[in-house]
N, C-alpha and C. Protein backbone atom coordinates (compact mmCIF):
# COMPACT_ATOMS: atom_id res chain seq x y z
N MET A 1 35.30 150.81 -32.85
CA MET A 1 35.27 149.76 -33.84
C MET A 1 35.23 150.42 -35.22
N LYS A 2 35.93 149.87 -36.14
CA LYS A 2 36.01 150.41 -37.49
C LYS A 2 34.70 150.15 -38.24
N ALA A 3 34.39 150.99 -39.19
CA ALA A 3 33.14 150.90 -39.95
C ALA A 3 33.06 149.60 -40.73
N TYR A 4 34.17 149.12 -41.31
CA TYR A 4 34.13 147.88 -42.09
C TYR A 4 33.93 146.66 -41.20
N ALA A 5 34.27 146.71 -39.91
CA ALA A 5 34.06 145.61 -38.98
C ALA A 5 32.67 145.66 -38.36
N ARG A 6 32.09 146.82 -38.29
CA ARG A 6 30.78 146.99 -37.67
C ARG A 6 29.66 146.49 -38.60
N GLN A 7 29.83 146.61 -39.89
CA GLN A 7 28.79 146.29 -40.84
C GLN A 7 28.41 144.79 -40.81
N PRO A 8 29.35 143.84 -40.82
CA PRO A 8 28.96 142.42 -40.74
C PRO A 8 28.30 142.09 -39.40
N LEU A 9 28.75 142.72 -38.33
CA LEU A 9 28.16 142.49 -37.02
C LEU A 9 26.71 142.95 -37.00
N LEU A 10 26.44 144.13 -37.54
CA LEU A 10 25.08 144.64 -37.60
C LEU A 10 24.22 143.76 -38.52
N GLY A 11 24.77 143.27 -39.60
CA GLY A 11 24.04 142.37 -40.50
C GLY A 11 23.66 141.08 -39.80
N CYS A 12 24.58 140.53 -39.03
CA CYS A 12 24.32 139.29 -38.28
C CYS A 12 23.24 139.52 -37.24
N LEU A 13 23.31 140.63 -36.52
CA LEU A 13 22.28 140.94 -35.52
C LEU A 13 20.92 141.14 -36.17
N ALA A 14 20.89 141.74 -37.36
CA ALA A 14 19.63 141.94 -38.07
C ALA A 14 19.02 140.61 -38.49
N VAL A 15 19.84 139.66 -38.94
CA VAL A 15 19.34 138.35 -39.33
C VAL A 15 18.79 137.61 -38.11
N CYS A 16 19.51 137.63 -37.00
CA CYS A 16 19.05 136.96 -35.77
C CYS A 16 17.74 137.57 -35.28
N ALA A 17 17.64 138.87 -35.30
CA ALA A 17 16.42 139.55 -34.86
C ALA A 17 15.25 139.20 -35.76
N SER A 18 15.48 139.13 -37.07
CA SER A 18 14.38 138.80 -37.98
C SER A 18 13.93 137.36 -37.79
N LEU A 19 14.85 136.44 -37.48
CA LEU A 19 14.47 135.05 -37.21
C LEU A 19 13.65 134.95 -35.92
N LEU A 20 14.03 135.70 -34.93
CA LEU A 20 13.31 135.67 -33.67
C LEU A 20 11.91 136.27 -33.83
N VAL A 21 11.80 137.35 -34.61
CA VAL A 21 10.49 137.97 -34.85
C VAL A 21 9.62 137.05 -35.70
N ALA A 22 10.22 136.37 -36.67
CA ALA A 22 9.46 135.48 -37.55
C ALA A 22 8.90 134.28 -36.78
N ASN A 23 9.63 133.74 -35.83
CA ASN A 23 9.19 132.58 -35.06
C ASN A 23 9.57 132.77 -33.59
N PRO A 24 8.73 133.46 -32.80
CA PRO A 24 9.09 133.72 -31.40
C PRO A 24 9.13 132.46 -30.54
N TYR A 25 8.50 131.38 -31.01
CA TYR A 25 8.48 130.15 -30.22
C TYR A 25 9.65 129.22 -30.53
N ALA A 26 10.56 129.66 -31.37
CA ALA A 26 11.70 128.82 -31.73
C ALA A 26 12.59 128.51 -30.53
N PHE A 27 12.63 129.42 -29.57
CA PHE A 27 13.49 129.23 -28.41
C PHE A 27 12.69 128.95 -27.13
N ALA A 28 11.40 128.67 -27.28
CA ALA A 28 10.55 128.40 -26.11
C ALA A 28 10.79 126.97 -25.63
N LEU A 29 10.59 126.74 -24.35
CA LEU A 29 10.72 125.41 -23.77
C LEU A 29 9.40 124.66 -23.89
N ASP A 30 9.48 123.39 -24.17
CA ASP A 30 8.29 122.54 -24.23
C ASP A 30 8.01 122.03 -22.82
N ARG A 31 6.95 122.49 -22.22
CA ARG A 31 6.60 122.08 -20.86
C ARG A 31 5.41 121.13 -20.85
N SER A 32 5.08 120.53 -21.96
CA SER A 32 3.93 119.64 -22.04
C SER A 32 4.16 118.32 -21.31
N ALA A 33 5.39 117.83 -21.29
CA ALA A 33 5.70 116.57 -20.62
C ALA A 33 6.33 116.87 -19.27
N ALA A 34 5.49 117.12 -18.27
CA ALA A 34 5.98 117.53 -16.95
C ALA A 34 6.71 116.41 -16.22
N GLU A 35 6.39 115.14 -16.51
CA GLU A 35 7.02 114.06 -15.77
C GLU A 35 8.41 113.71 -16.29
N GLY A 36 8.81 114.25 -17.41
CA GLY A 36 10.15 114.01 -17.92
C GLY A 36 10.18 112.92 -18.97
N ILE A 37 11.32 112.73 -19.56
CA ILE A 37 11.41 111.77 -20.65
C ILE A 37 11.64 110.34 -20.16
N TRP A 38 11.95 110.14 -18.90
CA TRP A 38 12.28 108.81 -18.43
C TRP A 38 11.09 108.06 -17.85
N LYS A 39 9.93 108.67 -17.81
CA LYS A 39 8.75 107.99 -17.31
C LYS A 39 8.24 107.02 -18.36
N ALA A 40 8.02 105.79 -17.99
CA ALA A 40 7.50 104.80 -18.93
C ALA A 40 6.02 105.06 -19.18
N VAL A 41 5.52 104.51 -20.23
CA VAL A 41 4.11 104.69 -20.59
C VAL A 41 3.26 103.82 -19.68
N VAL A 42 2.25 104.43 -19.08
CA VAL A 42 1.33 103.68 -18.23
C VAL A 42 0.41 102.88 -19.15
N PRO A 43 0.23 101.60 -18.87
CA PRO A 43 -0.61 100.77 -19.73
C PRO A 43 -2.05 101.30 -19.78
N PRO A 44 -2.72 101.20 -20.96
CA PRO A 44 -4.08 101.71 -21.07
C PRO A 44 -5.08 100.93 -20.22
N THR A 45 -4.85 99.64 -20.04
CA THR A 45 -5.70 98.85 -19.15
C THR A 45 -4.85 98.40 -17.97
N PRO A 46 -5.45 98.32 -16.79
CA PRO A 46 -4.66 97.93 -15.61
C PRO A 46 -4.04 96.54 -15.78
N MET A 47 -2.79 96.43 -15.38
CA MET A 47 -2.09 95.15 -15.41
C MET A 47 -2.08 94.58 -14.00
N HIS A 48 -2.10 93.27 -13.93
CA HIS A 48 -2.11 92.62 -12.62
C HIS A 48 -0.86 91.76 -12.49
N GLY A 49 0.06 92.25 -11.67
CA GLY A 49 1.31 91.55 -11.45
C GLY A 49 1.29 90.79 -10.14
N GLU A 50 2.33 90.05 -9.93
CA GLU A 50 2.51 89.32 -8.67
C GLU A 50 2.64 90.31 -7.51
N PHE A 51 2.45 89.85 -6.32
CA PHE A 51 2.55 90.66 -5.09
C PHE A 51 1.58 91.84 -5.11
N ALA A 52 0.43 91.68 -5.73
CA ALA A 52 -0.59 92.75 -5.79
C ALA A 52 -0.01 94.05 -6.36
N ASN A 53 0.78 93.92 -7.42
CA ASN A 53 1.41 95.06 -8.11
C ASN A 53 2.38 95.84 -7.22
N GLU A 54 3.03 95.18 -6.29
CA GLU A 54 4.04 95.83 -5.46
C GLU A 54 5.42 95.48 -5.99
N ASP A 55 6.35 96.40 -5.80
CA ASP A 55 7.72 96.25 -6.28
C ASP A 55 8.44 95.16 -5.49
N PRO A 56 8.94 94.09 -6.15
CA PRO A 56 9.62 93.02 -5.43
C PRO A 56 10.91 93.47 -4.74
N VAL A 57 11.60 94.47 -5.30
CA VAL A 57 12.82 94.97 -4.66
C VAL A 57 12.45 95.69 -3.37
N GLY A 58 11.37 96.44 -3.38
CA GLY A 58 10.88 97.09 -2.16
C GLY A 58 10.46 96.07 -1.12
N LEU A 59 9.76 95.03 -1.58
CA LEU A 59 9.34 93.97 -0.65
C LEU A 59 10.55 93.26 -0.05
N ALA A 60 11.57 93.01 -0.87
CA ALA A 60 12.78 92.37 -0.37
C ALA A 60 13.45 93.23 0.69
N ALA A 61 13.27 94.55 0.59
CA ALA A 61 13.84 95.47 1.58
C ALA A 61 12.90 95.71 2.76
N GLY A 62 11.71 95.08 2.72
CA GLY A 62 10.78 95.21 3.83
C GLY A 62 9.81 96.38 3.70
N LYS A 63 9.56 96.84 2.48
CA LYS A 63 8.65 97.97 2.26
C LYS A 63 7.61 97.62 1.22
N HIS A 64 6.37 98.07 1.46
CA HIS A 64 5.30 97.91 0.47
C HIS A 64 5.30 99.14 -0.43
N ILE A 65 5.59 98.94 -1.71
CA ILE A 65 5.62 100.05 -2.67
C ILE A 65 4.72 99.67 -3.85
N LYS A 66 3.56 100.32 -3.95
CA LYS A 66 2.62 100.06 -5.04
C LYS A 66 3.17 100.61 -6.35
N THR A 67 2.88 99.94 -7.46
CA THR A 67 3.33 100.37 -8.77
C THR A 67 2.15 100.46 -9.73
N ASP A 68 2.38 101.11 -10.88
CA ASP A 68 1.36 101.16 -11.93
C ASP A 68 1.68 100.18 -13.05
N CYS A 69 2.69 99.36 -12.89
CA CYS A 69 3.14 98.34 -13.84
C CYS A 69 3.66 98.93 -15.15
N SER A 70 4.05 100.19 -15.15
CA SER A 70 4.64 100.75 -16.37
C SER A 70 6.03 100.16 -16.60
N MET A 71 6.70 99.75 -15.53
CA MET A 71 7.96 99.01 -15.62
C MET A 71 7.65 97.60 -15.17
N ASN A 72 7.89 96.61 -16.04
CA ASN A 72 7.56 95.25 -15.65
C ASN A 72 8.53 94.25 -16.26
N TRP A 73 8.45 93.04 -15.77
CA TRP A 73 9.32 91.96 -16.20
C TRP A 73 8.53 90.67 -16.13
N HIS A 74 8.66 89.83 -17.17
CA HIS A 74 7.99 88.53 -17.20
C HIS A 74 8.99 87.44 -16.84
N ASP A 75 8.59 86.59 -15.92
CA ASP A 75 9.40 85.44 -15.53
C ASP A 75 9.24 84.36 -16.61
N GLU A 76 10.13 83.40 -16.63
CA GLU A 76 9.99 82.31 -17.60
C GLU A 76 8.75 81.47 -17.32
N ASP A 77 8.20 81.56 -16.10
CA ASP A 77 6.96 80.86 -15.76
C ASP A 77 5.73 81.63 -16.25
N GLY A 78 5.94 82.84 -16.82
CA GLY A 78 4.82 83.64 -17.31
C GLY A 78 4.28 84.62 -16.28
N LYS A 79 4.89 84.68 -15.11
CA LYS A 79 4.43 85.62 -14.09
C LYS A 79 4.94 87.02 -14.39
N LEU A 80 4.12 88.02 -14.06
CA LEU A 80 4.46 89.42 -14.31
C LEU A 80 4.83 90.09 -12.99
N TYR A 81 5.97 90.76 -12.98
CA TYR A 81 6.42 91.51 -11.81
C TYR A 81 6.52 92.98 -12.19
N CYS A 82 6.00 93.85 -11.33
CA CYS A 82 5.93 95.29 -11.60
C CYS A 82 6.96 96.03 -10.74
N PHE A 83 7.52 97.10 -11.31
CA PHE A 83 8.57 97.87 -10.63
C PHE A 83 8.24 99.35 -10.65
N THR A 84 8.71 100.07 -9.63
CA THR A 84 8.45 101.50 -9.56
C THR A 84 9.36 102.29 -10.48
N THR A 85 10.60 101.87 -10.63
CA THR A 85 11.57 102.60 -11.45
C THR A 85 12.41 101.63 -12.27
N GLY A 86 13.07 102.17 -13.27
CA GLY A 86 13.99 101.37 -14.06
C GLY A 86 15.17 100.89 -13.24
N THR A 87 15.58 101.68 -12.28
CA THR A 87 16.69 101.29 -11.40
C THR A 87 16.33 100.05 -10.60
N SER A 88 15.10 100.03 -10.10
CA SER A 88 14.64 98.87 -9.35
C SER A 88 14.64 97.63 -10.24
N LEU A 89 14.20 97.78 -11.46
CA LEU A 89 14.19 96.66 -12.41
C LEU A 89 15.60 96.17 -12.71
N VAL A 90 16.55 97.08 -12.88
CA VAL A 90 17.94 96.70 -13.16
C VAL A 90 18.53 95.93 -11.98
N PHE A 91 18.30 96.41 -10.76
CA PHE A 91 18.79 95.69 -9.58
C PHE A 91 18.18 94.30 -9.51
N PHE A 92 16.89 94.21 -9.77
CA PHE A 92 16.18 92.93 -9.73
C PHE A 92 16.79 91.94 -10.73
N GLN A 93 17.09 92.42 -11.93
CA GLN A 93 17.60 91.53 -12.97
C GLN A 93 19.00 91.00 -12.66
N GLU A 94 19.70 91.63 -11.73
CA GLU A 94 21.01 91.13 -11.33
C GLU A 94 20.90 89.79 -10.59
N ALA A 95 19.85 89.64 -9.77
CA ALA A 95 19.66 88.40 -9.00
C ALA A 95 18.17 88.18 -8.75
N PRO A 96 17.40 87.84 -9.77
CA PRO A 96 15.95 87.74 -9.61
C PRO A 96 15.50 86.69 -8.60
N LYS A 97 16.16 85.56 -8.56
CA LYS A 97 15.74 84.50 -7.64
C LYS A 97 15.89 84.92 -6.18
N SER A 98 16.99 85.58 -5.85
CA SER A 98 17.17 85.99 -4.46
C SER A 98 16.19 87.10 -4.08
N TYR A 99 15.94 88.03 -5.00
CA TYR A 99 14.94 89.08 -4.72
C TYR A 99 13.55 88.48 -4.55
N LEU A 100 13.20 87.52 -5.41
CA LEU A 100 11.88 86.89 -5.29
C LEU A 100 11.74 86.10 -4.00
N ARG A 101 12.80 85.42 -3.61
CA ARG A 101 12.77 84.66 -2.36
C ARG A 101 12.53 85.59 -1.17
N ALA A 102 13.26 86.72 -1.12
CA ALA A 102 13.10 87.68 -0.03
C ALA A 102 11.75 88.39 -0.11
N ALA A 103 11.30 88.69 -1.32
CA ALA A 103 10.00 89.35 -1.49
C ALA A 103 8.86 88.45 -1.04
N HIS A 104 8.93 87.15 -1.41
CA HIS A 104 7.89 86.20 -0.97
C HIS A 104 7.88 86.08 0.54
N ALA A 105 9.04 86.01 1.15
CA ALA A 105 9.11 85.88 2.61
C ALA A 105 8.46 87.07 3.30
N PHE A 106 8.77 88.28 2.86
CA PHE A 106 8.19 89.47 3.49
C PHE A 106 6.71 89.61 3.15
N PHE A 107 6.32 89.34 1.90
CA PHE A 107 4.92 89.50 1.49
C PHE A 107 4.03 88.50 2.22
N ASP A 108 4.50 87.27 2.40
CA ASP A 108 3.72 86.28 3.14
C ASP A 108 3.62 86.64 4.62
N PHE A 109 4.67 87.24 5.15
CA PHE A 109 4.68 87.65 6.56
C PHE A 109 3.80 88.88 6.79
N ASP A 110 3.86 89.85 5.92
CA ASP A 110 3.17 91.14 6.11
C ASP A 110 2.32 91.46 4.88
N ARG A 111 1.34 90.61 4.62
CA ARG A 111 0.47 90.80 3.45
C ARG A 111 -0.43 92.01 3.68
N PRO A 112 -0.52 92.92 2.67
CA PRO A 112 -1.37 94.09 2.85
C PRO A 112 -2.84 93.72 2.95
N ARG A 113 -3.55 94.47 3.77
CA ARG A 113 -4.99 94.21 3.96
C ARG A 113 -5.80 94.77 2.80
N ALA A 114 -6.88 94.10 2.45
CA ALA A 114 -7.78 94.60 1.38
C ALA A 114 -8.50 95.83 1.89
N ARG A 115 -8.60 96.85 1.02
CA ARG A 115 -9.27 98.10 1.43
C ARG A 115 -10.63 98.20 0.87
C-alpha cells in the first residue's frame, strides 16, 4: 500500500480506537429487559377479568390458560377479558362473539376448581 493511502486509513483507525477507549460501553448490549420489547406492562394492582382471568381463545380451544391481564379487552357491556399474548387478542377481535360463545361453553363445562 502506498504511503499516501495508508495515512488516512491509520487516522481513521486512530479515531475509532479513541472513541472506543473513551466510551467502552458504547457498543455493549442492554440486557436489562430480559423479557423483550413485546411484553406488555403488568398492571400494578391485580385485575379481575371474566373466566377467572383465563384466555377466552384458549378456553374456546378447550384449554385453561391463566393470564396476568397485561393484555386485555373491554366489552361494550363493561366486562374485561384477559389474554396471554397480543396474537390471542388479535384473533379474538376478529370474531369476539363466537369466541365468547365457545369459551362460555367450555368454561361452564370444565370450570377450574378453587385452590
